[in-house]
């Protein structure tokens, strides 16, 4: 009897601590590009959705250069607290999980990599750029503590995880397998699903065994709205919309009319502000850009022989480079080529406008009374001359005879003051 009770107790304990994941579907999502709040919401929403529905596994294909620290923290929390197993798959060949991608991968239950992929380089690259040493050390230690905690929770190589942050270490798929970072190497999703069949995943005090054979595969893609918002949060796109918005308002103020410039400018600015709100922006950088355009406009009005134009160009250049705090990824920086193109073309445009304005100022007047100065004609009878289709009385300090060629040098009342053409 005691033996029977012991066997029943052991079986009951196994049932409690061991379970098989029988969900009928496997969900697949794709995360690419910079990690931002749109990405974080997309992952969170799909984890919540799959937990409520009949899904046994979430496969997250990833190819990212990194992203915002705040968004990465949100994703890590969702992965660590997910009720369904999550497999992060660095895919396709040539893909990477750099910077923020390392934290996301390590927080997953299973890490899979395609051939010729790599992960690592999680050191915060914005550090060392004028940041106080104590602040830099605090940020670095915070990230190290976080990644060590994640690696320990998932039973991975804590030492390598720390080096990925402190020393920007990177690792290939073969090296990741040897160093207890990666679990599976698979050429494609179908091979990955086959290899995942029978895989065990620890969830709290339980061990879940995956059954992936003959499961329904559901690919979940970003909606048009999510793709649009994700694109807006891309630094270069947000910057372009910001510049176009300012151009639109300048056009409207320079040539008031039906309001097309104001409408388009306002739309572009609102889209730019939405994109920038999903990034870590530097207020000083934004103010420098605005100051740059103010100086360029002032040059047209004040005509400082290019002083305001040069100052505006420098302000615009500095503001563009300072606009976005890079966080932990250089991909969050605005493209230098784009900045130089925008600043260069803007300065060139304003120099052209200034030169056209100066030419217009010094151009000879062709209308009104002043426009008649310099005109030529033939003197007629009784001190008259036919000029510009009209017959005028003339005055002159020279002796003018009928038939003499004259040139208009001024206007006095209703008479033209002329001189004899030599």
Protein backbone atom coordinates (compact mmCIF):
# COMPACT_ATOMS: atom_id res chain seq x y z
CA UNK A 1 0.00 0.00 0.00
CA UNK A 2 2.83 2.36 0.87
CA UNK A 3 4.53 1.53 -2.41
CA UNK A 4 1.31 2.24 -4.31
CA UNK A 5 0.87 5.59 -2.58
CA UNK A 6 4.48 6.48 -3.33
CA UNK A 7 4.03 5.73 -7.05
CA UNK A 8 0.80 7.74 -7.17
CA UNK A 9 2.57 10.66 -5.45
CA UNK A 10 5.44 10.59 -7.91
CA UNK A 11 3.07 10.48 -10.90
CA UNK A 12 1.00 13.32 -9.47
CA UNK A 13 4.16 15.40 -8.97
CA UNK A 14 5.20 14.77 -12.55
CA UNK A 15 1.80 15.84 -13.83
CA UNK A 16 2.06 19.07 -11.93
CA UNK A 17 5.62 19.89 -13.01
CA UNK A 18 5.54 18.50 -16.53
CA UNK A 19 3.12 19.36 -19.27
CA UNK A 20 2.86 19.08 -23.01
CA UNK A 21 1.93 22.15 -25.07
CA UNK A 22 -1.03 20.98 -27.19
CA UNK A 23 -2.07 24.29 -28.79
CA UNK A 24 -3.12 23.74 -32.40
CA UNK A 25 -1.27 26.73 -33.93
CA UNK A 26 2.15 28.35 -34.11
CA UNK A 27 2.30 32.11 -34.54
CA UNK A 28 5.09 33.80 -36.51
CA UNK A 29 5.85 37.53 -36.40
CA UNK A 30 8.68 39.52 -37.95
CA UNK A 31 10.67 42.27 -36.25
CA UNK A 32 13.06 44.24 -38.45
CA UNK A 33 14.67 47.64 -38.38
CA UNK A 34 15.12 49.90 -35.39
CA UNK A 35 13.44 48.86 -32.14
CA UNK A 36 11.01 51.63 -31.15
CA UNK A 37 7.69 51.98 -29.27
CA UNK A 38 5.76 50.78 -32.35
CA UNK A 39 7.82 47.57 -32.35
CA UNK A 40 7.28 47.12 -28.62
CA UNK A 41 3.49 47.52 -28.94
CA UNK A 42 3.41 45.10 -31.91
CA UNK A 43 5.20 42.38 -29.91
CA UNK A 44 3.14 42.99 -26.75
CA UNK A 45 -0.19 42.88 -28.62
CA UNK A 46 0.68 39.62 -30.35
CA UNK A 47 1.88 37.92 -27.18
CA UNK A 48 -1.39 38.89 -25.47
CA UNK A 49 -3.40 37.72 -28.50
CA UNK A 50 -1.67 34.34 -28.74
CA UNK A 51 -2.02 33.74 -24.99
CA UNK A 52 -5.81 34.11 -25.28
CA UNK A 53 -6.14 31.99 -28.41
CA UNK A 54 -5.19 28.39 -29.23
CA UNK A 55 -1.45 28.88 -29.84
CA UNK A 56 1.35 26.74 -28.45
CA UNK A 57 4.35 28.79 -29.59
CA UNK A 58 5.39 32.21 -30.89
CA UNK A 59 8.31 32.37 -33.33
CA UNK A 60 9.73 35.88 -33.69
CA UNK A 61 11.96 36.38 -36.73
CA UNK A 62 14.36 39.21 -35.97
CA UNK A 63 16.85 41.33 -37.89
CA UNK A 64 17.70 44.52 -36.04
CA UNK A 65 20.63 46.89 -35.51
CA UNK A 66 19.23 47.88 -32.10
CA UNK A 67 16.99 50.62 -30.82
CA UNK A 68 15.69 52.57 -27.86
CA UNK A 69 16.48 51.40 -24.34
CA UNK A 70 12.95 52.12 -23.10
CA UNK A 71 11.33 50.09 -25.87
CA UNK A 72 13.80 47.25 -25.32
CA UNK A 73 12.95 47.14 -21.61
CA UNK A 74 9.25 46.83 -22.43
CA UNK A 75 9.86 43.96 -24.85
CA UNK A 76 12.11 42.13 -22.38
CA UNK A 77 9.45 42.35 -19.66
CA UNK A 78 6.79 40.99 -22.02
CA UNK A 79 9.03 38.09 -23.08
CA UNK A 80 10.02 37.15 -19.53
CA UNK A 81 6.38 37.17 -18.42
CA UNK A 82 4.88 35.53 -21.49
CA UNK A 83 2.61 32.57 -20.75
CA UNK A 84 3.43 30.91 -24.07
CA UNK A 85 6.96 29.90 -25.13
CA UNK A 86 8.74 32.36 -27.44
CA UNK A 87 11.47 31.38 -29.89
CA UNK A 88 13.49 34.27 -31.31
CA UNK A 89 14.92 33.38 -34.73
CA UNK A 90 17.70 35.55 -36.21
CA UNK A 91 16.72 35.27 -39.85
CA UNK A 92 17.36 35.39 -42.84
CA UNK A 93 20.99 34.61 -43.70
CA UNK A 94 23.10 37.69 -43.10
CA UNK A 95 20.72 39.04 -40.45
CA UNK A 96 21.84 40.27 -37.04
CA UNK A 97 20.55 40.87 -33.55
CA UNK A 98 22.76 43.73 -32.41
CA UNK A 99 22.52 46.00 -29.40
CA UNK A 100 18.87 45.92 -28.25
CA UNK A 101 18.45 42.70 -30.26
CA UNK A 102 20.78 40.88 -27.84
CA UNK A 103 18.53 41.71 -24.87
CA UNK A 104 15.46 40.55 -26.79
CA UNK A 105 17.06 37.27 -27.85
CA UNK A 106 18.36 36.44 -24.38
CA UNK A 107 14.93 37.14 -22.87
CA UNK A 108 13.33 34.53 -25.16
CA UNK A 109 12.80 30.89 -24.17
CA UNK A 110 14.62 29.61 -27.25
CA UNK A 111 17.20 31.30 -29.48
CA UNK A 112 17.57 30.07 -33.05
CA UNK A 113 19.90 31.43 -35.71
CA UNK A 114 20.12 31.02 -39.48
CA UNK A 115 23.53 30.33 -41.03
CA UNK A 116 25.76 33.41 -41.54
CA UNK A 117 24.02 35.43 -38.85
CA UNK A 118 25.43 37.03 -35.71
CA UNK A 119 24.46 38.76 -32.49
CA UNK A 120 26.14 41.02 -29.95
CA UNK A 121 27.64 44.54 -29.72
CA UNK A 122 25.27 45.75 -27.02
CA UNK A 123 27.51 48.51 -25.64
CA UNK A 124 25.66 51.87 -25.53
CA UNK A 125 27.36 53.76 -28.38
CA UNK A 126 26.16 57.23 -27.35
CA UNK A 127 28.33 57.03 -24.26
CA UNK A 128 31.59 58.92 -24.23
CA UNK A 129 30.13 61.83 -26.22
CA UNK A 130 30.48 64.50 -23.57
CA UNK A 131 28.61 62.41 -21.01
CA UNK A 132 29.85 62.76 -17.40
CA UNK A 133 31.94 59.76 -16.36
CA UNK A 134 29.75 58.92 -13.36
CA UNK A 135 26.58 59.01 -15.46
CA UNK A 136 28.23 56.84 -18.10
CA UNK A 137 29.25 54.31 -15.47
CA UNK A 138 25.73 54.20 -13.98
CA UNK A 139 24.13 53.56 -17.37
CA UNK A 140 26.65 50.87 -18.25
CA UNK A 141 26.30 49.10 -14.90
CA UNK A 142 22.52 49.21 -15.17
CA UNK A 143 22.58 47.56 -18.59
CA UNK A 144 25.13 44.97 -17.43
CA UNK A 145 23.03 44.07 -14.40
CA UNK A 146 19.94 43.74 -16.60
CA UNK A 147 21.53 41.50 -19.22
CA UNK A 148 23.19 39.29 -16.57
CA UNK A 149 19.83 38.86 -14.87
CA UNK A 150 18.16 37.92 -18.15
CA UNK A 151 20.91 35.42 -19.06
CA UNK A 152 20.75 33.81 -15.62
CA UNK A 153 16.96 33.56 -15.77
CA UNK A 154 17.13 31.76 -19.11
CA UNK A 155 20.13 29.59 -18.15
CA UNK A 156 22.52 31.13 -20.67
CA UNK A 157 26.17 32.18 -20.65
CA UNK A 158 26.21 35.10 -18.19
CA UNK A 159 29.90 35.87 -18.82
CA UNK A 160 29.40 36.36 -22.56
CA UNK A 161 26.24 38.41 -21.99
CA UNK A 162 28.23 40.82 -19.80
CA UNK A 163 31.01 41.08 -22.40
CA UNK A 164 28.43 41.86 -25.10
CA UNK A 165 27.56 45.02 -23.16
CA UNK A 166 30.93 45.99 -21.68
CA UNK A 167 33.16 45.07 -24.64
CA UNK A 168 30.68 44.97 -27.56
CA UNK A 169 31.47 41.29 -28.14
CA UNK A 170 29.75 39.65 -31.12
CA UNK A 171 29.23 35.98 -31.85
CA UNK A 172 28.35 33.87 -34.91
CA UNK A 173 25.78 31.10 -34.91
CA UNK A 174 28.40 28.33 -34.56
CA UNK A 175 30.15 30.15 -31.71
CA UNK A 176 26.79 30.86 -30.06
CA UNK A 177 25.98 27.14 -29.97
CA UNK A 178 29.34 26.32 -28.35
CA UNK A 179 29.01 29.14 -25.79
CA UNK A 180 25.48 28.26 -24.62
CA UNK A 181 23.90 31.31 -26.22
CA UNK A 182 22.04 29.81 -29.17
CA UNK A 183 19.94 26.63 -29.04
CA UNK A 184 19.25 25.80 -32.68
CA UNK A 185 20.72 26.52 -36.11
CA UNK A 186 18.13 26.25 -38.89
CA UNK A 187 18.18 27.24 -42.57
CA UNK A 188 14.53 28.28 -42.63
CA UNK A 189 11.32 28.34 -40.63
CA UNK A 190 10.23 24.84 -41.71
CA UNK A 191 13.49 23.30 -40.50
CA UNK A 192 13.23 25.28 -37.26
CA UNK A 193 9.72 24.00 -36.58
CA UNK A 194 10.88 20.41 -37.12
CA UNK A 195 13.78 20.85 -34.72
CA UNK A 196 11.53 22.45 -32.09
CA UNK A 197 9.32 19.35 -31.90
CA UNK A 198 9.91 17.76 -28.49
CA UNK A 199 11.88 20.72 -27.20
CA UNK A 200 11.48 21.40 -23.49
CA UNK A 201 10.94 24.89 -22.10
CA UNK A 202 11.01 25.81 -18.44
CA UNK A 203 8.10 27.97 -17.33
CA UNK A 204 8.19 28.88 -13.64
CA UNK A 205 8.19 25.53 -11.84
CA UNK A 206 6.93 23.61 -14.85
CA UNK A 207 8.67 22.10 -17.87
CA UNK A 208 6.69 22.45 -21.09
CA UNK A 209 7.37 20.08 -23.98
CA UNK A 210 6.62 21.54 -27.40
CA UNK A 211 4.73 19.57 -30.01
CA UNK A 212 5.23 21.40 -33.31
CA UNK A 213 4.65 18.60 -35.81
CA UNK A 214 1.67 19.16 -38.15
CA UNK A 215 0.71 22.39 -36.38
CA UNK A 216 -1.10 25.17 -38.23
CA UNK A 217 1.33 28.00 -39.05
CA UNK A 218 -0.10 31.51 -38.76
CA UNK A 219 2.02 34.42 -39.99
CA UNK A 220 1.01 37.64 -38.29
CA UNK A 221 2.16 40.78 -40.09
CA UNK A 222 2.02 44.42 -39.16
CA UNK A 223 -1.11 46.18 -40.34
CA UNK A 224 -0.82 49.09 -42.78
CA UNK A 225 -1.29 51.47 -39.86
CA UNK A 226 1.49 49.79 -37.85
CA UNK A 227 3.84 49.79 -40.85
CA UNK A 228 3.09 53.48 -41.48
CA UNK A 229 3.68 54.46 -37.86
CA UNK A 230 6.82 52.31 -37.71
CA UNK A 231 8.15 54.09 -40.81
CA UNK A 232 7.40 57.50 -39.28
CA UNK A 233 9.47 56.56 -36.23
CA UNK A 234 12.49 55.97 -38.48
CA UNK A 235 14.87 58.90 -37.77
CA UNK A 236 15.57 59.82 -41.40
CA UNK A 237 11.87 59.86 -42.30
CA UNK A 238 10.99 62.00 -39.27
CA UNK A 239 13.81 64.42 -40.15
CA UNK A 240 12.68 64.74 -43.78
CA UNK A 241 9.10 65.48 -42.69
CA UNK A 242 10.38 68.09 -40.22
CA UNK A 243 12.35 69.91 -42.92
CA UNK A 244 9.47 69.71 -45.43
CA UNK A 245 7.08 71.08 -42.80
CA UNK A 246 9.32 74.08 -42.12
CA UNK A 247 9.71 74.67 -45.87
CA UNK A 248 5.94 74.62 -46.26
CA UNK A 249 5.41 77.26 -43.58
CA UNK A 250 8.19 79.44 -45.03
CA UNK A 251 6.55 79.24 -48.45
CA UNK A 252 3.19 80.23 -46.97
CA UNK A 253 4.59 83.25 -45.12
CA UNK A 254 6.67 84.34 -48.12
CA UNK A 255 3.77 84.18 -50.60
CA UNK A 256 0.39 84.21 -48.81
CA UNK A 257 -2.33 82.76 -50.95
CA UNK A 258 -4.76 79.86 -50.82
CA UNK A 259 -2.93 78.31 -47.85
CA UNK A 260 -1.43 75.29 -49.62
CA UNK A 261 1.95 75.84 -47.96
CA UNK A 262 0.37 76.15 -44.52
CA UNK A 263 -1.76 73.02 -44.98
CA UNK A 264 1.04 70.80 -46.30
CA UNK A 265 3.56 72.30 -43.88
CA UNK A 266 1.31 71.63 -40.90
CA UNK A 267 0.66 68.04 -41.99
CA UNK A 268 4.37 67.34 -42.46
CA UNK A 269 5.21 68.90 -39.08
CA UNK A 270 2.56 66.85 -37.26
CA UNK A 271 3.85 63.64 -38.86
CA UNK A 272 7.40 64.65 -37.97
CA UNK A 273 6.46 65.36 -34.34
CA UNK A 274 4.76 61.96 -34.09
CA UNK A 275 7.89 60.25 -35.39
CA UNK A 276 10.15 62.25 -33.11
CA UNK A 277 7.91 61.52 -30.11
CA UNK A 278 8.79 57.83 -30.56
CA UNK A 279 12.48 58.68 -30.47
CA UNK A 280 14.73 60.24 -27.88
CA UNK A 281 15.05 63.80 -29.19
CA UNK A 282 17.34 66.57 -28.04
CA UNK A 283 15.40 69.81 -27.52
CA UNK A 284 18.51 71.93 -28.13
CA UNK A 285 18.95 70.23 -31.50
CA UNK A 286 15.36 71.04 -32.49
CA UNK A 287 15.76 74.68 -31.40
CA UNK A 288 19.00 74.99 -33.39
CA UNK A 289 17.21 73.79 -36.53
CA UNK A 290 14.43 76.36 -36.02
CA UNK A 291 17.03 79.10 -35.32
CA UNK A 292 18.86 78.12 -38.49
CA UNK A 293 15.78 78.69 -40.63
CA UNK A 294 14.99 81.98 -38.83
CA UNK A 295 18.49 83.27 -39.65
CA UNK A 296 18.16 82.19 -43.27
CA UNK A 297 14.84 84.03 -43.62
CA UNK A 298 16.33 87.08 -41.85
CA UNK A 299 19.13 87.14 -44.42
CA UNK A 300 16.61 87.77 -47.18
CA UNK A 301 15.09 90.67 -45.27
CA UNK A 302 18.20 92.20 -43.67
CA UNK A 303 20.78 91.52 -46.43
CA UNK A 304 23.83 90.98 -44.25
CA UNK A 305 25.99 89.89 -47.22
CA UNK A 306 25.77 86.24 -46.20
CA UNK A 307 26.51 86.50 -42.45
CA UNK A 308 23.06 85.26 -41.43
CA UNK A 309 23.17 82.60 -44.15
CA UNK A 310 26.45 81.17 -42.85
CA UNK A 311 25.20 81.36 -39.25
CA UNK A 312 21.91 79.74 -40.23
CA UNK A 313 23.73 76.95 -42.07
CA UNK A 314 25.96 76.20 -39.08
CA UNK A 315 22.95 76.22 -36.74
CA UNK A 316 20.99 73.92 -39.05
CA UNK A 317 23.94 71.54 -39.38
CA UNK A 318 24.59 71.32 -35.63
CA UNK A 319 20.87 70.97 -34.83
CA UNK A 320 20.46 68.15 -37.35
CA UNK A 321 23.29 66.13 -35.84
CA UNK A 322 22.10 66.81 -32.28
CA UNK A 323 18.39 66.26 -32.95
CA UNK A 324 18.23 62.60 -31.91
CA UNK A 325 19.95 61.04 -28.91
CA UNK A 326 21.29 57.77 -30.27
CA UNK A 327 20.65 55.74 -27.11
CA UNK A 328 22.21 52.32 -27.62
CA UNK A 329 22.18 52.19 -31.42
CA UNK A 330 24.01 54.19 -34.10
CA UNK A 331 21.08 53.37 -36.39
CA UNK A 332 19.04 55.92 -34.44
CA UNK A 333 21.28 58.70 -35.76
CA UNK A 334 20.17 60.67 -38.79
CA UNK A 335 22.18 59.79 -41.89
CA UNK A 336 25.14 62.14 -42.29
CA UNK A 337 24.64 62.06 -46.06
CA UNK A 338 21.03 63.14 -45.63
CA UNK A 339 21.96 65.95 -43.21
CA UNK A 340 24.72 67.29 -45.46
CA UNK A 341 22.41 67.10 -48.50
CA UNK A 342 19.59 68.96 -46.74
CA UNK A 343 21.85 71.64 -45.23
CA UNK A 344 23.85 72.09 -48.44
CA UNK A 345 20.77 72.38 -50.68
CA UNK A 346 19.07 74.74 -48.21
CA UNK A 347 22.05 77.10 -48.06
CA UNK A 348 22.42 76.94 -51.84
CA UNK A 349 18.72 77.73 -52.29
CA UNK A 350 18.90 80.75 -49.99
CA UNK A 351 22.08 82.03 -51.67
CA UNK A 352 20.27 81.82 -55.02
CA UNK A 353 17.28 83.70 -53.60
CA UNK A 354 19.59 86.36 -52.13
CA UNK A 355 21.48 86.79 -55.41
CA UNK A 356 18.22 87.11 -57.34
CA UNK A 357 17.02 89.70 -54.84
CA UNK A 358 20.23 91.73 -55.19
CA UNK A 359 20.03 91.58 -58.98
CA UNK A 360 16.45 92.81 -58.84
CA UNK A 361 17.51 95.75 -56.65
CA UNK A 362 20.23 96.90 -59.02
CA UNK A 363 18.33 96.13 -62.21
CA UNK A 364 17.37 99.14 -64.29
CA UNK A 365 13.77 100.26 -63.82
CA UNK A 366 11.70 99.82 -66.97
CA UNK A 367 8.39 101.24 -65.78
CA UNK A 368 7.13 104.61 -64.51
CA UNK A 369 8.95 107.91 -64.77
CA UNK A 370 12.29 106.47 -63.69
CA UNK A 371 12.04 103.94 -66.43
CA UNK A 372 12.28 106.73 -69.04
CA UNK A 373 15.75 107.84 -67.92
CA UNK A 374 18.29 106.80 -70.51
CA UNK A 375 15.76 106.59 -73.34
CA UNK A 376 16.71 108.21 -76.63
CA UNK A 377 14.74 110.16 -79.20
CA UNK A 378 14.87 112.77 -81.99
CA UNK A 379 14.10 116.41 -81.19
CA UNK A 380 11.13 117.85 -83.05
CA UNK A 381 9.72 121.30 -83.50
CA UNK A 382 9.07 123.68 -80.63
CA UNK A 383 11.31 121.77 -78.22
CA UNK A 384 9.39 118.53 -78.24
CA UNK A 385 10.49 114.90 -78.49
CA UNK A 386 8.69 111.64 -79.21
CA UNK A 387 9.76 109.11 -76.55
CA UNK A 388 8.18 105.77 -75.59
CA UNK A 389 5.19 106.40 -77.79
CA UNK A 390 4.43 109.80 -76.26
CA UNK A 391 5.12 113.41 -77.23
CA UNK A 392 6.92 115.36 -74.49
CA UNK A 393 8.11 118.93 -73.95
CA UNK A 394 11.81 119.05 -73.30
CA UNK A 395 14.27 121.12 -71.27
CA UNK A 396 17.99 121.09 -71.76
CA UNK A 397 21.15 122.95 -70.83
CA UNK A 398 22.42 122.14 -74.31
CA UNK A 399 21.36 123.83 -77.51
CA UNK A 400 18.86 121.46 -79.05
CA UNK A 401 17.82 121.80 -82.67
CA UNK A 402 15.15 119.99 -84.62
CA UNK A 403 16.49 116.59 -85.73
CA UNK A 404 19.14 116.31 -83.00
CA UNK A 405 19.41 112.96 -81.20
CA UNK A 406 18.78 113.35 -77.46
CA UNK A 407 18.90 111.24 -74.30
CA UNK A 408 16.53 111.60 -71.34
CA UNK A 409 18.37 112.38 -68.09
CA UNK A 410 15.46 113.33 -65.87
CA UNK A 411 11.89 114.52 -65.49
CA UNK A 412 10.81 117.93 -64.25
CA UNK A 413 7.05 118.21 -63.88
CA UNK A 414 5.53 117.54 -67.31
CA UNK A 415 8.79 118.07 -69.16
CA UNK A 416 11.67 115.78 -69.91
CA UNK A 417 15.16 117.00 -69.12
CA UNK A 418 17.42 115.87 -71.92
CA UNK A 419 20.93 116.22 -73.17
CA UNK A 420 22.23 116.26 -76.66
CA UNK A 421 23.51 112.87 -77.76
CA UNK A 422 27.08 113.22 -78.96
